[in-house]
Amino acid sequence: MAIVAAMDAPDLVARLAAAADKTGRSPADLVGSAIRNFIDTASDDLWIQLIGLMNSSQDPGLAAMRAILEKALPAVSET
């Protein structure tokens, strides 16, 4: 959660919390699974996009994590 908090993305934190509540898994487990799934299944196009995002960021690691989590986590529906 410290890495997600460092991204300064409250919307992403909310999406992660909602996914954790829905699945009964810990946020850390969901983050690890999302990253691993990207590594295992991402197309060449997605890797190129990710490298481009990382290349233009002052913190490439956080940029990569944010991009992967934004794709992996479902949007929080507004009620």
N, C-alpha and C. Protein backbone atom coordinates (compact mmCIF):
# COMPACT_ATOMS: atom_id res chain seq x y z
N MET A 1 0.82 -1.20 0.00
CA MET A 1 0.00 0.00 0.00
C MET A 1 0.86 1.25 0.00
N ALA A 2 2.08 1.17 0.53
CA ALA A 2 2.96 2.34 0.53
C ALA A 2 3.31 2.74 -0.89
N ILE A 3 3.49 1.77 -1.76
CA ILE A 3 3.80 2.09 -3.16
C ILE A 3 2.60 2.75 -3.81
N VAL A 4 1.42 2.23 -3.58
CA VAL A 4 0.21 2.82 -4.15
C VAL A 4 0.01 4.22 -3.60
N ALA A 5 0.25 4.41 -2.31
CA ALA A 5 0.12 5.74 -1.71
C ALA A 5 1.13 6.71 -2.31
N ALA A 6 2.32 6.24 -2.64
CA ALA A 6 3.35 7.10 -3.23
C ALA A 6 2.95 7.59 -4.62
N MET A 7 2.03 6.91 -5.26
CA MET A 7 1.57 7.34 -6.59
C MET A 7 0.70 8.57 -6.51
N ASP A 8 0.23 8.91 -5.31
CA ASP A 8 -0.65 10.06 -5.11
C ASP A 8 -1.85 9.97 -6.05
N ALA A 9 -2.53 8.82 -5.99
CA ALA A 9 -3.68 8.56 -6.85
C ALA A 9 -4.83 8.02 -6.01
N PRO A 10 -5.58 8.92 -5.35
CA PRO A 10 -6.67 8.47 -4.48
C PRO A 10 -7.69 7.58 -5.20
N ASP A 11 -7.93 7.85 -6.47
CA ASP A 11 -8.87 7.02 -7.23
C ASP A 11 -8.37 5.59 -7.35
N LEU A 12 -7.08 5.43 -7.52
CA LEU A 12 -6.49 4.10 -7.63
C LEU A 12 -6.54 3.38 -6.29
N VAL A 13 -6.31 4.10 -5.21
CA VAL A 13 -6.41 3.52 -3.87
C VAL A 13 -7.85 3.05 -3.63
N ALA A 14 -8.83 3.84 -4.03
CA ALA A 14 -10.23 3.46 -3.86
C ALA A 14 -10.56 2.22 -4.68
N ARG A 15 -10.06 2.16 -5.90
CA ARG A 15 -10.30 0.99 -6.76
C ARG A 15 -9.66 -0.26 -6.15
N LEU A 16 -8.46 -0.11 -5.60
CA LEU A 16 -7.77 -1.23 -4.98
C LEU A 16 -8.52 -1.70 -3.73
N ALA A 17 -8.97 -0.77 -2.91
CA ALA A 17 -9.73 -1.13 -1.71
C ALA A 17 -11.04 -1.83 -2.07
N ALA A 18 -11.71 -1.32 -3.09
CA ALA A 18 -12.97 -1.94 -3.51
C ALA A 18 -12.74 -3.35 -4.04
N ALA A 19 -11.69 -3.54 -4.81
CA ALA A 19 -11.38 -4.87 -5.34
C ALA A 19 -11.01 -5.83 -4.20
N ALA A 20 -10.27 -5.33 -3.22
CA ALA A 20 -9.90 -6.16 -2.07
C ALA A 20 -11.14 -6.58 -1.28
N ASP A 21 -12.04 -5.63 -1.05
CA ASP A 21 -13.28 -5.94 -0.34
C ASP A 21 -14.11 -6.96 -1.10
N LYS A 22 -14.20 -6.78 -2.41
CA LYS A 22 -15.04 -7.66 -3.23
C LYS A 22 -14.48 -9.08 -3.30
N THR A 23 -13.17 -9.21 -3.39
CA THR A 23 -12.56 -10.52 -3.57
C THR A 23 -12.14 -11.19 -2.27
N GLY A 24 -12.05 -10.40 -1.18
CA GLY A 24 -11.58 -10.95 0.08
C GLY A 24 -10.08 -11.17 0.12
N ARG A 25 -9.37 -10.60 -0.84
CA ARG A 25 -7.91 -10.71 -0.89
C ARG A 25 -7.30 -9.42 -0.34
N SER A 26 -6.07 -9.51 0.09
CA SER A 26 -5.41 -8.31 0.60
C SER A 26 -5.01 -7.40 -0.57
N PRO A 27 -4.94 -6.10 -0.32
CA PRO A 27 -4.49 -5.18 -1.39
C PRO A 27 -3.12 -5.57 -1.92
N ALA A 28 -2.21 -5.96 -1.04
CA ALA A 28 -0.87 -6.35 -1.49
C ALA A 28 -0.92 -7.56 -2.42
N ASP A 29 -1.78 -8.51 -2.11
CA ASP A 29 -1.94 -9.69 -2.96
C ASP A 29 -2.49 -9.29 -4.33
N LEU A 30 -3.44 -8.38 -4.35
CA LEU A 30 -4.00 -7.93 -5.63
C LEU A 30 -2.96 -7.20 -6.47
N VAL A 31 -2.15 -6.36 -5.82
CA VAL A 31 -1.10 -5.64 -6.56
C VAL A 31 -0.11 -6.64 -7.14
N GLY A 32 0.33 -7.58 -6.32
CA GLY A 32 1.27 -8.59 -6.81
C GLY A 32 0.70 -9.41 -7.96
N SER A 33 -0.56 -9.79 -7.85
CA SER A 33 -1.20 -10.56 -8.91
C SER A 33 -1.33 -9.76 -10.20
N ALA A 34 -1.68 -8.48 -10.07
CA ALA A 34 -1.83 -7.63 -11.26
C ALA A 34 -0.49 -7.48 -11.98
N ILE A 35 0.57 -7.26 -11.22
CA ILE A 35 1.89 -7.11 -11.83
C ILE A 35 2.32 -8.41 -12.49
N ARG A 36 2.14 -9.51 -11.78
CA ARG A 36 2.54 -10.82 -12.32
C ARG A 36 1.74 -11.16 -13.57
N ASN A 37 0.45 -10.88 -13.55
CA ASN A 37 -0.39 -11.15 -14.71
C ASN A 37 0.07 -10.33 -15.92
N PHE A 38 0.42 -9.06 -15.68
CA PHE A 38 0.91 -8.24 -16.78
C PHE A 38 2.19 -8.84 -17.36
N ILE A 39 3.10 -9.21 -16.48
CA ILE A 39 4.37 -9.79 -16.94
C ILE A 39 4.13 -11.05 -17.76
N ASP A 40 3.19 -11.87 -17.31
CA ASP A 40 2.92 -13.14 -17.98
C ASP A 40 2.13 -13.01 -19.27
N THR A 41 1.27 -11.98 -19.40
CA THR A 41 0.33 -11.98 -20.51
C THR A 41 0.35 -10.75 -21.42
N ALA A 42 1.08 -9.71 -21.06
CA ALA A 42 1.02 -8.47 -21.84
C ALA A 42 1.56 -8.69 -23.26
N SER A 43 0.88 -8.06 -24.19
CA SER A 43 1.31 -8.12 -25.59
C SER A 43 2.51 -7.20 -25.79
N ASP A 44 3.15 -7.35 -26.93
CA ASP A 44 4.28 -6.48 -27.26
C ASP A 44 3.85 -5.01 -27.27
N ASP A 45 2.66 -4.75 -27.76
CA ASP A 45 2.15 -3.37 -27.80
C ASP A 45 2.03 -2.77 -26.40
N LEU A 46 1.51 -3.55 -25.46
CA LEU A 46 1.39 -3.07 -24.08
C LEU A 46 2.76 -2.81 -23.46
N TRP A 47 3.73 -3.68 -23.75
CA TRP A 47 5.08 -3.47 -23.23
C TRP A 47 5.69 -2.19 -23.81
N ILE A 48 5.48 -1.96 -25.08
CA ILE A 48 6.01 -0.74 -25.71
C ILE A 48 5.37 0.50 -25.10
N GLN A 49 4.05 0.45 -24.87
CA GLN A 49 3.36 1.57 -24.22
C GLN A 49 3.92 1.80 -22.82
N LEU A 50 4.13 0.73 -22.09
CA LEU A 50 4.65 0.84 -20.73
C LEU A 50 6.05 1.44 -20.72
N ILE A 51 6.88 0.98 -21.63
CA ILE A 51 8.24 1.52 -21.70
C ILE A 51 8.21 3.00 -22.05
N GLY A 52 7.31 3.40 -22.93
CA GLY A 52 7.16 4.82 -23.27
C GLY A 52 6.76 5.64 -22.06
N LEU A 53 5.79 5.14 -21.28
CA LEU A 53 5.38 5.84 -20.06
C LEU A 53 6.53 5.95 -19.08
N MET A 54 7.26 4.88 -18.92
CA MET A 54 8.38 4.87 -17.98
C MET A 54 9.48 5.83 -18.43
N ASN A 55 9.71 5.87 -19.73
CA ASN A 55 10.77 6.72 -20.28
C ASN A 55 10.49 8.20 -20.07
N SER A 56 9.22 8.57 -20.04
CA SER A 56 8.87 9.99 -19.91
C SER A 56 8.57 10.38 -18.46
N SER A 57 8.80 9.48 -17.52
CA SER A 57 8.48 9.74 -16.12
C SER A 57 9.74 9.99 -15.30
N GLN A 58 9.59 10.81 -14.27
CA GLN A 58 10.71 11.02 -13.35
C GLN A 58 10.89 9.83 -12.43
N ASP A 59 9.84 9.04 -12.24
CA ASP A 59 9.93 7.82 -11.43
C ASP A 59 9.34 6.67 -12.25
N PRO A 60 10.18 6.03 -13.06
CA PRO A 60 9.69 4.99 -13.97
C PRO A 60 9.00 3.82 -13.28
N GLY A 61 9.48 3.42 -12.12
CA GLY A 61 8.87 2.31 -11.42
C GLY A 61 7.44 2.60 -11.00
N LEU A 62 7.24 3.79 -10.42
CA LEU A 62 5.88 4.17 -10.03
C LEU A 62 4.98 4.34 -11.24
N ALA A 63 5.52 4.88 -12.32
CA ALA A 63 4.74 5.05 -13.54
C ALA A 63 4.28 3.70 -14.07
N ALA A 64 5.16 2.71 -14.03
CA ALA A 64 4.83 1.37 -14.50
C ALA A 64 3.75 0.75 -13.62
N MET A 65 3.93 0.84 -12.31
CA MET A 65 2.95 0.26 -11.39
C MET A 65 1.58 0.91 -11.58
N ARG A 66 1.57 2.23 -11.71
CA ARG A 66 0.30 2.93 -11.87
C ARG A 66 -0.40 2.50 -13.16
N ALA A 67 0.34 2.44 -14.25
CA ALA A 67 -0.25 2.05 -15.54
C ALA A 67 -0.81 0.63 -15.48
N ILE A 68 -0.07 -0.27 -14.87
CA ILE A 68 -0.53 -1.66 -14.78
C ILE A 68 -1.78 -1.75 -13.90
N LEU A 69 -1.77 -1.08 -12.76
CA LEU A 69 -2.92 -1.14 -11.86
C LEU A 69 -4.14 -0.46 -12.46
N GLU A 70 -3.94 0.62 -13.19
CA GLU A 70 -5.08 1.29 -13.83
C GLU A 70 -5.76 0.38 -14.83
N LYS A 71 -4.99 -0.45 -15.52
CA LYS A 71 -5.58 -1.39 -16.47
C LYS A 71 -6.20 -2.59 -15.77
N ALA A 72 -5.61 -3.01 -14.67
CA ALA A 72 -6.03 -4.24 -14.02
C ALA A 72 -7.22 -4.10 -13.08
N LEU A 73 -7.32 -2.95 -12.41
CA LEU A 73 -8.36 -2.78 -11.40
C LEU A 73 -9.65 -2.24 -12.01
N PRO A 74 -10.77 -2.86 -11.68
CA PRO A 74 -12.04 -2.36 -12.20
C PRO A 74 -12.37 -0.99 -11.62
N ALA A 75 -13.10 -0.22 -12.39
CA ALA A 75 -13.56 1.07 -11.92
C ALA A 75 -14.54 0.89 -10.77
N VAL A 76 -14.52 1.83 -9.84
CA VAL A 76 -15.45 1.80 -8.73
C VAL A 76 -16.75 2.42 -9.21
N SER A 77 -17.83 1.64 -9.13
CA SER A 77 -19.11 2.17 -9.59
C SER A 77 -19.63 3.16 -8.55
N GLU A 78 -20.18 4.24 -9.05
CA GLU A 78 -20.72 5.25 -8.16
C GLU A 78 -22.14 4.89 -7.81
N THR A 79 -22.45 4.97 -6.52
CA THR A 79 -23.80 4.62 -6.08
C THR A 79 -24.51 5.82 -5.52
